[in-house]
């Protein structure tokens, strides 16, 4: 409907709807003018742009962060030494010198979890006690990559947080070491060692090794600045001797036995696992290649990334070997070996968890008791 005003101009009293009906705004209600619409669109667009342009955390050079955060041969790509948890999570999607350290364990965590869940789904877990050691091993193989990726994600929140993150990382690695020993005891131990005194004490001593190793590796962090050489030696020793103990049955099988059912299809995987573990140890100890070309491998290709890749490949090869041993030796082992009972397995894991966590709590508390200069500053 249109009416003529006093000036002879037409003014609309309503908007025509489909079908010819008209609609008029209620009293006191105004049509949104073009300026209002523009302001609303602009505000909405700005909000969207802010969401899309979320700023990633700033990165720093080695001389801009405290010495406790320094990595040998790594000059750039350091995160803020007091990052928030949000900034740490955002750094997963930013190229820092820790990014690939995180993803090289986070992605394998999902792969090992998928294998673990698949194995659980395909097994009558309550009635198949023969498979229990395998599930313990596969569970621990999921734990250590997850804890490691979390440690590398959140280790830049503070100096003490960095140490605590790695304390937890060391505990998870030692839990995996115990899982390996349980699986080796159940499936991979040579025939000549089955039911011997060595076999009887193999898992209990593996538990003791994990407790000592966790304590020693945690203690080594207190020497990181003041005595870096001794720190590295203690930490390598802390991981090397539990691995050596766990692998004694495998070494015996591979290098001292030629028959006795030792050289089945799993032997090749055990050999590859051993070689990959030695390669991982080399990268962890040598800090190559970044030590030879500082600054060249800050983001991609430094030794800790290569160490992570080798460790994951070693775990995959080890898992294949254990699964093959479990399958191929099942009949003989069930007839001749005393399987680990549920209380034995659960007791070993619980003791490892209790004492390792006690170590971690003790050393974490010590961080706050020791004066900062003594812990973080190099002696002059």
Protein backbone atom coordinates (compact mmCIF):
# COMPACT_ATOMS: atom_id res chain seq x y z
CA UNK A 1 0.00 0.00 0.00
CA UNK A 2 1.36 3.43 -0.97
CA UNK A 3 0.15 6.82 0.16
CA UNK A 4 1.02 10.30 -1.06
CA UNK A 5 2.51 12.68 1.46
CA UNK A 6 2.13 16.40 1.46
CA UNK A 7 5.08 16.83 -0.88
CA UNK A 8 3.53 14.44 -3.37
CA UNK A 9 6.12 11.72 -2.77
CA UNK A 10 5.16 8.11 -2.32
CA UNK A 11 6.06 6.39 0.96
CA UNK A 12 5.72 2.74 1.64
CA UNK A 13 3.74 1.64 4.66
CA UNK A 14 4.70 -1.99 4.37
CA UNK A 15 6.76 -4.64 2.57
CA UNK A 16 5.03 -6.82 0.04
CA UNK A 17 5.29 -10.51 0.86
CA UNK A 18 4.85 -13.34 -1.53
CA UNK A 19 1.24 -13.70 -2.53
CA UNK A 20 0.67 -9.94 -2.40
CA UNK A 21 0.18 -9.68 1.36
CA UNK A 22 1.94 -6.89 3.15
CA UNK A 23 3.93 -6.81 6.40
CA UNK A 24 4.55 -3.74 8.47
CA UNK A 25 6.93 -3.47 11.39
CA UNK A 26 5.40 -3.37 14.82
CA UNK A 27 5.18 -0.11 16.70
CA UNK A 28 8.60 1.04 17.81
CA UNK A 29 10.35 -1.44 15.50
CA UNK A 30 12.60 -0.09 12.77
CA UNK A 31 13.83 -1.64 9.59
CA UNK A 32 17.53 -2.43 9.83
CA UNK A 33 19.13 0.29 7.80
CA UNK A 34 22.05 -0.27 5.46
CA UNK A 35 24.49 1.15 8.01
CA UNK A 36 23.28 -1.25 10.67
CA UNK A 37 23.63 -4.21 8.32
CA UNK A 38 27.12 -3.08 7.37
CA UNK A 39 28.19 -2.76 11.00
CA UNK A 40 26.85 -6.22 11.82
CA UNK A 41 28.57 -7.82 8.83
CA UNK A 42 31.82 -6.00 9.58
CA UNK A 43 31.77 -7.07 13.23
CA UNK A 44 31.04 -10.66 12.25
CA UNK A 45 33.80 -10.63 9.64
CA UNK A 46 36.31 -9.19 12.09
CA UNK A 47 35.44 -11.89 14.60
CA UNK A 48 35.93 -14.57 11.95
CA UNK A 49 39.24 -13.07 10.89
CA UNK A 50 40.44 -13.02 14.49
CA UNK A 51 39.60 -16.69 14.80
CA UNK A 52 41.45 -17.49 11.58
CA UNK A 53 44.47 -15.35 12.39
CA UNK A 54 45.21 -16.89 15.81
CA UNK A 55 48.79 -15.95 16.56
CA UNK A 56 51.24 -18.77 17.09
CA UNK A 57 53.77 -18.43 19.91
CA UNK A 58 56.99 -16.55 19.23
CA UNK A 59 60.19 -18.57 18.89
CA UNK A 60 63.60 -17.76 20.36
CA UNK A 61 67.30 -18.27 19.75
CA UNK A 62 69.47 -20.34 22.05
CA UNK A 63 70.97 -17.23 23.66
CA UNK A 64 67.49 -15.98 24.59
CA UNK A 65 66.47 -18.94 26.78
CA UNK A 66 67.94 -20.24 30.07
CA UNK A 67 70.74 -22.76 29.80
CA UNK A 68 68.62 -25.60 31.15
CA UNK A 69 66.62 -25.45 27.90
CA UNK A 70 69.67 -25.58 25.63
CA UNK A 71 70.13 -28.54 23.31
CA UNK A 72 73.55 -29.30 21.87
CA UNK A 73 73.83 -28.13 18.27
CA UNK A 74 70.32 -26.63 18.22
CA UNK A 75 70.47 -22.84 17.79
CA UNK A 76 66.96 -21.77 16.82
CA UNK A 77 63.31 -22.71 17.25
CA UNK A 78 63.08 -22.59 21.06
CA UNK A 79 59.72 -21.88 22.66
CA UNK A 80 59.21 -19.39 25.47
CA UNK A 81 60.65 -20.88 28.68
CA UNK A 82 57.46 -20.00 30.55
CA UNK A 83 54.91 -20.99 27.95
CA UNK A 84 51.29 -21.48 28.89
CA UNK A 85 49.66 -24.87 28.38
CA UNK A 86 47.69 -23.38 25.49
CA UNK A 87 50.86 -22.10 23.83
CA UNK A 88 52.42 -25.54 24.24
CA UNK A 89 49.46 -27.19 22.53
CA UNK A 90 49.48 -24.61 19.73
CA UNK A 91 53.16 -25.36 19.15
CA UNK A 92 52.12 -28.78 17.84
CA UNK A 93 51.04 -26.94 14.69
CA UNK A 94 54.08 -24.66 14.53
CA UNK A 95 57.52 -25.64 13.32
CA UNK A 96 59.74 -25.52 16.41
CA UNK A 97 62.74 -27.64 17.33
CA UNK A 98 60.34 -29.86 19.33
CA UNK A 99 57.53 -30.29 16.79
CA UNK A 100 58.80 -33.46 15.14
CA UNK A 101 59.87 -34.83 18.52
CA UNK A 102 56.21 -34.66 19.47
CA UNK A 103 54.69 -36.05 16.29
CA UNK A 104 57.21 -38.89 15.88
CA UNK A 105 55.76 -40.38 19.06
CA UNK A 106 52.20 -39.07 19.00
CA UNK A 107 51.30 -40.69 15.67
CA UNK A 108 52.85 -44.08 16.59
CA UNK A 109 50.88 -43.96 19.85
CA UNK A 110 47.67 -44.17 17.83
CA UNK A 111 49.09 -46.96 15.66
CA UNK A 112 50.11 -49.07 18.66
CA UNK A 113 46.78 -48.33 20.34
CA UNK A 114 44.97 -49.57 17.24
CA UNK A 115 47.01 -52.80 17.32
CA UNK A 116 46.36 -53.22 21.03
CA UNK A 117 42.61 -52.71 20.73
CA UNK A 118 42.46 -55.03 17.72
CA UNK A 119 44.27 -57.77 19.64
CA UNK A 120 41.92 -57.34 22.60
CA UNK A 121 38.89 -57.53 20.33
CA UNK A 122 40.07 -60.74 18.68
CA UNK A 123 40.95 -62.55 21.93
CA UNK A 124 38.87 -64.04 24.71
CA UNK A 125 40.90 -62.15 27.28
CA UNK A 126 39.27 -63.66 30.37
CA UNK A 127 39.87 -67.26 29.32
CA UNK A 128 43.10 -66.97 27.33
CA UNK A 129 45.69 -66.49 30.06
CA UNK A 130 48.43 -67.36 27.56
CA UNK A 131 47.83 -63.96 25.91
CA UNK A 132 47.99 -61.87 29.09
CA UNK A 133 51.74 -61.11 28.85
CA UNK A 134 51.24 -59.91 25.27
CA UNK A 135 48.52 -57.49 26.34
CA UNK A 136 50.72 -56.10 29.11
CA UNK A 137 53.51 -55.57 26.61
CA UNK A 138 51.22 -53.95 24.04
CA UNK A 139 49.71 -51.70 26.70
CA UNK A 140 53.12 -50.43 27.78
CA UNK A 141 54.06 -49.90 24.13
CA UNK A 142 51.16 -47.44 23.96
CA UNK A 143 52.05 -45.66 27.20
CA UNK A 144 55.63 -44.65 26.49
CA UNK A 145 55.03 -42.84 23.14
CA UNK A 146 52.08 -40.95 24.65
CA UNK A 147 54.02 -39.84 27.73
CA UNK A 148 57.02 -38.93 25.58
CA UNK A 149 54.94 -36.77 23.24
CA UNK A 150 53.33 -35.04 26.24
CA UNK A 151 56.76 -34.44 27.79
CA UNK A 152 58.03 -32.81 24.61
CA UNK A 153 54.83 -30.78 24.32
CA UNK A 154 54.77 -29.28 27.82
CA UNK A 155 58.47 -29.16 28.75
CA UNK A 156 58.69 -25.43 28.03
CA UNK A 157 56.22 -24.33 30.72
CA UNK A 158 59.01 -23.72 33.26
CA UNK A 159 62.40 -25.03 34.33
CA UNK A 160 60.92 -27.37 36.90
CA UNK A 161 58.13 -28.45 34.57
CA UNK A 162 60.78 -29.45 32.05
CA UNK A 163 62.46 -31.75 34.56
CA UNK A 164 59.17 -33.24 35.78
CA UNK A 165 58.02 -33.93 32.23
CA UNK A 166 61.17 -35.93 31.59
CA UNK A 167 60.93 -37.70 34.96
CA UNK A 168 57.56 -39.03 33.79
CA UNK A 169 59.05 -39.88 30.40
CA UNK A 170 61.79 -41.97 32.05
CA UNK A 171 59.22 -43.77 34.17
CA UNK A 172 57.16 -44.66 31.09
CA UNK A 173 60.23 -45.96 29.25
CA UNK A 174 61.07 -48.20 32.19
CA UNK A 175 57.49 -49.44 32.38
CA UNK A 176 57.85 -50.44 28.74
CA UNK A 177 61.11 -52.19 29.61
CA UNK A 178 59.22 -54.29 32.16
CA UNK A 179 56.50 -55.04 29.61
CA UNK A 180 59.18 -56.30 27.24
CA UNK A 181 60.66 -58.53 29.94
CA UNK A 182 57.24 -60.02 30.73
CA UNK A 183 56.62 -60.79 27.05
CA UNK A 184 60.11 -62.24 26.56
CA UNK A 185 59.68 -64.43 29.63
CA UNK A 186 56.39 -65.77 28.32
CA UNK A 187 57.14 -66.26 24.62
CA UNK A 188 60.74 -65.62 23.55
CA UNK A 189 62.97 -67.24 26.16
CA UNK A 190 65.06 -70.10 24.68
CA UNK A 191 63.93 -73.64 25.36
CA UNK A 192 67.06 -74.41 27.40
CA UNK A 193 66.28 -71.52 29.78
CA UNK A 194 62.66 -72.43 30.42
CA UNK A 195 61.93 -73.27 34.08
CA UNK A 196 65.52 -72.57 35.14
CA UNK A 197 66.60 -70.37 38.05
CA UNK A 198 67.33 -67.61 35.55
CA UNK A 199 63.77 -67.87 34.24
CA UNK A 200 62.34 -67.78 37.76
CA UNK A 201 64.18 -64.57 38.69
CA UNK A 202 64.12 -62.92 35.27
CA UNK A 203 60.96 -60.82 35.75
CA UNK A 204 61.53 -59.97 39.45
CA UNK A 205 64.99 -58.63 38.60
CA UNK A 206 63.51 -56.73 35.66
CA UNK A 207 61.19 -55.00 38.15
CA UNK A 208 64.18 -54.08 40.31
CA UNK A 209 66.00 -52.77 37.23
CA UNK A 210 63.12 -50.46 36.31
CA UNK A 211 63.07 -48.98 39.81
CA UNK A 212 66.83 -48.35 39.85
CA UNK A 213 66.83 -47.08 36.28
CA UNK A 214 64.05 -44.57 36.93
CA UNK A 215 65.86 -43.23 39.98
CA UNK A 216 69.21 -43.03 38.20
CA UNK A 217 67.83 -41.31 35.11
CA UNK A 218 65.89 -38.79 37.23
CA UNK A 219 68.98 -38.08 39.33
CA UNK A 220 71.03 -37.47 36.19
CA UNK A 221 68.97 -34.36 35.41
CA UNK A 222 70.38 -32.65 38.51
CA UNK A 223 73.84 -32.89 36.92
CA UNK A 224 72.78 -31.65 33.49
CA UNK A 225 74.25 -28.15 33.79
CA UNK A 226 77.08 -28.64 36.25
CA UNK A 227 78.44 -31.97 34.97
CA UNK A 228 76.97 -32.67 31.52
CA UNK A 229 79.40 -35.48 30.73
CA UNK A 230 78.56 -37.42 33.88
CA UNK A 231 74.88 -36.67 33.35
CA UNK A 232 74.92 -38.20 29.88
CA UNK A 233 76.90 -41.23 31.02
CA UNK A 234 74.51 -41.96 33.89
CA UNK A 235 71.46 -41.54 31.70
CA UNK A 236 72.76 -43.84 28.97
CA UNK A 237 73.71 -46.38 31.64
CA UNK A 238 70.26 -46.06 33.22
CA UNK A 239 68.63 -47.18 29.98
CA UNK A 240 71.32 -49.53 28.69
CA UNK A 241 71.52 -51.98 31.56
CA UNK A 242 67.75 -52.74 31.82
CA UNK A 243 67.72 -53.24 28.05
CA UNK A 244 70.72 -55.57 28.29
CA UNK A 245 69.08 -57.60 31.05
CA UNK A 246 65.79 -57.84 29.17
CA UNK A 247 67.59 -58.90 26.00
CA UNK A 248 69.79 -61.63 27.49
CA UNK A 249 67.38 -64.41 26.38
CA UNK A 250 67.29 -62.91 22.88
CA UNK A 251 71.08 -62.55 22.67
CA UNK A 252 71.45 -66.15 23.83
CA UNK A 253 69.00 -67.27 21.18
CA UNK A 254 70.54 -65.29 18.36
CA UNK A 255 74.24 -65.75 19.02
CA UNK A 256 74.69 -68.93 21.06
CA UNK A 257 72.00 -71.28 19.80
CA UNK A 258 71.63 -72.69 16.34
CA UNK A 259 68.92 -75.24 16.97
CA UNK A 260 66.53 -75.89 19.82
CA UNK A 261 63.78 -74.12 17.95
CA UNK A 262 65.62 -70.83 18.41
CA UNK A 263 65.86 -69.86 14.77
CA UNK A 264 62.20 -69.64 13.84
CA UNK A 265 60.68 -66.90 11.70
CA UNK A 266 60.78 -64.52 14.66
CA UNK A 267 64.58 -64.60 14.83
CA UNK A 268 64.95 -62.24 11.88
CA UNK A 269 62.69 -59.68 13.58
CA UNK A 270 64.69 -60.02 16.79
CA UNK A 271 67.87 -59.32 14.82
CA UNK A 272 66.36 -56.25 13.17
CA UNK A 273 65.04 -55.03 16.51
CA UNK A 274 68.50 -55.35 18.06
CA UNK A 275 70.13 -53.47 15.18
CA UNK A 276 67.54 -50.68 15.28
CA UNK A 277 67.92 -50.32 19.05
CA UNK A 278 71.68 -49.97 18.69
CA UNK A 279 71.16 -47.32 16.01
CA UNK A 280 68.75 -45.46 18.30
CA UNK A 281 71.34 -45.58 21.09
CA UNK A 282 73.93 -44.13 18.74
CA UNK A 283 71.76 -41.14 17.82
CA UNK A 284 70.82 -40.55 21.46
CA UNK A 285 74.44 -40.54 22.60
CA UNK A 286 76.26 -38.91 19.69
CA UNK A 287 74.08 -35.83 18.99
CA UNK A 288 74.75 -36.25 15.31
CA UNK A 289 74.34 -34.65 12.81
CA UNK A 290 73.59 -31.34 14.58
CA UNK A 291 76.83 -31.43 16.57
CA UNK A 292 78.81 -31.23 13.30
CA UNK A 293 76.66 -28.49 11.76
CA UNK A 294 75.02 -26.39 14.51
CA UNK A 295 71.91 -24.61 13.30
CA UNK A 296 71.44 -26.75 10.18
CA UNK A 297 69.17 -29.39 11.72
CA UNK A 298 67.26 -27.32 14.27
CA UNK A 299 63.83 -28.15 12.88
CA UNK A 300 64.23 -31.28 10.78
CA UNK A 301 66.78 -34.07 11.01
CA UNK A 302 68.43 -33.60 14.40
CA UNK A 303 69.48 -36.60 16.46
CA UNK A 304 66.55 -36.72 18.86
CA UNK A 305 64.08 -36.93 16.00
CA UNK A 306 66.12 -39.74 14.44
CA UNK A 307 66.30 -41.40 17.85
CA UNK A 308 62.51 -41.30 18.13
CA UNK A 309 62.04 -42.79 14.67
CA UNK A 310 64.50 -45.60 15.40
CA UNK A 311 62.87 -46.37 18.75
CA UNK A 312 59.43 -46.62 17.17
CA UNK A 313 60.71 -48.87 14.38
CA UNK A 314 62.49 -51.01 16.97
CA UNK A 315 59.26 -51.34 18.96
CA UNK A 316 57.35 -52.34 15.83
CA UNK A 317 59.94 -55.00 14.98
CA UNK A 318 59.98 -56.22 18.57
CA UNK A 319 56.19 -56.50 18.58
CA UNK A 320 56.24 -58.53 15.38
CA UNK A 321 58.88 -60.86 16.85
CA UNK A 322 56.93 -61.37 20.08
CA UNK A 323 53.66 -62.05 18.25
CA UNK A 324 55.42 -64.61 16.04
CA UNK A 325 57.06 -66.31 19.02
CA UNK A 326 53.71 -66.42 20.80
CA UNK A 327 52.06 -68.06 17.80
CA UNK A 328 54.80 -70.42 16.65
CA UNK A 329 55.87 -71.64 20.09
CA UNK A 330 52.43 -71.82 21.69
CA UNK A 331 52.09 -75.60 21.74
CA UNK A 332 55.58 -76.23 23.11
CA UNK A 333 55.40 -73.47 25.72
CA UNK A 334 51.99 -74.55 27.01
CA UNK A 335 53.32 -78.09 27.40
CA UNK A 336 56.69 -77.29 28.97
CA UNK A 337 56.69 -73.83 30.54
CA UNK A 338 55.07 -72.47 33.69
CA UNK A 339 53.05 -69.49 32.47
CA UNK A 340 53.03 -66.28 34.45
CA UNK A 341 49.92 -66.05 36.59
CA UNK A 342 47.73 -62.98 36.84
CA UNK A 343 48.98 -62.12 40.37
CA UNK A 344 52.59 -62.38 39.16
CA UNK A 345 51.98 -60.09 36.19
CA UNK A 346 49.84 -57.60 38.10
CA UNK A 347 52.24 -57.61 41.04
CA UNK A 348 55.23 -56.86 38.82
CA UNK A 349 53.46 -53.99 37.06
CA UNK A 350 52.11 -52.53 40.32
CA UNK A 351 55.51 -52.66 42.02
CA UNK A 352 57.07 -50.94 39.03
CA UNK A 353 54.39 -48.23 39.04
CA UNK A 354 54.51 -47.64 42.79
CA UNK A 355 58.28 -47.39 43.13
CA UNK A 356 58.81 -45.51 39.87
CA UNK A 357 56.16 -42.96 40.81
CA UNK A 358 57.74 -42.69 44.25
CA UNK A 359 61.05 -41.91 42.57
CA UNK A 360 59.40 -39.31 40.36
CA UNK A 361 57.62 -37.66 43.29
CA UNK A 362 60.80 -37.61 45.37
CA UNK A 363 62.92 -36.01 42.67
CA UNK A 364 60.13 -33.60 41.70
CA UNK A 365 59.93 -32.41 45.30
CA UNK A 366 63.72 -32.07 45.36
CA UNK A 367 63.51 -29.55 42.52
CA UNK A 368 61.77 -27.13 44.87
CA UNK A 369 64.15 -27.79 47.77
CA UNK A 370 67.40 -27.18 45.91
CA UNK A 371 68.36 -23.52 45.40
CA UNK A 372 68.00 -22.47 41.78
CA UNK A 373 71.65 -21.48 41.21
CA UNK A 374 72.77 -24.93 42.33
CA UNK A 375 70.42 -26.67 39.93
CA UNK A 376 70.35 -24.42 36.90
CA UNK A 377 73.60 -22.45 36.79
CA UNK A 378 76.90 -23.79 35.65
CA UNK A 379 79.79 -23.81 38.08
CA UNK A 380 82.50 -21.24 37.48
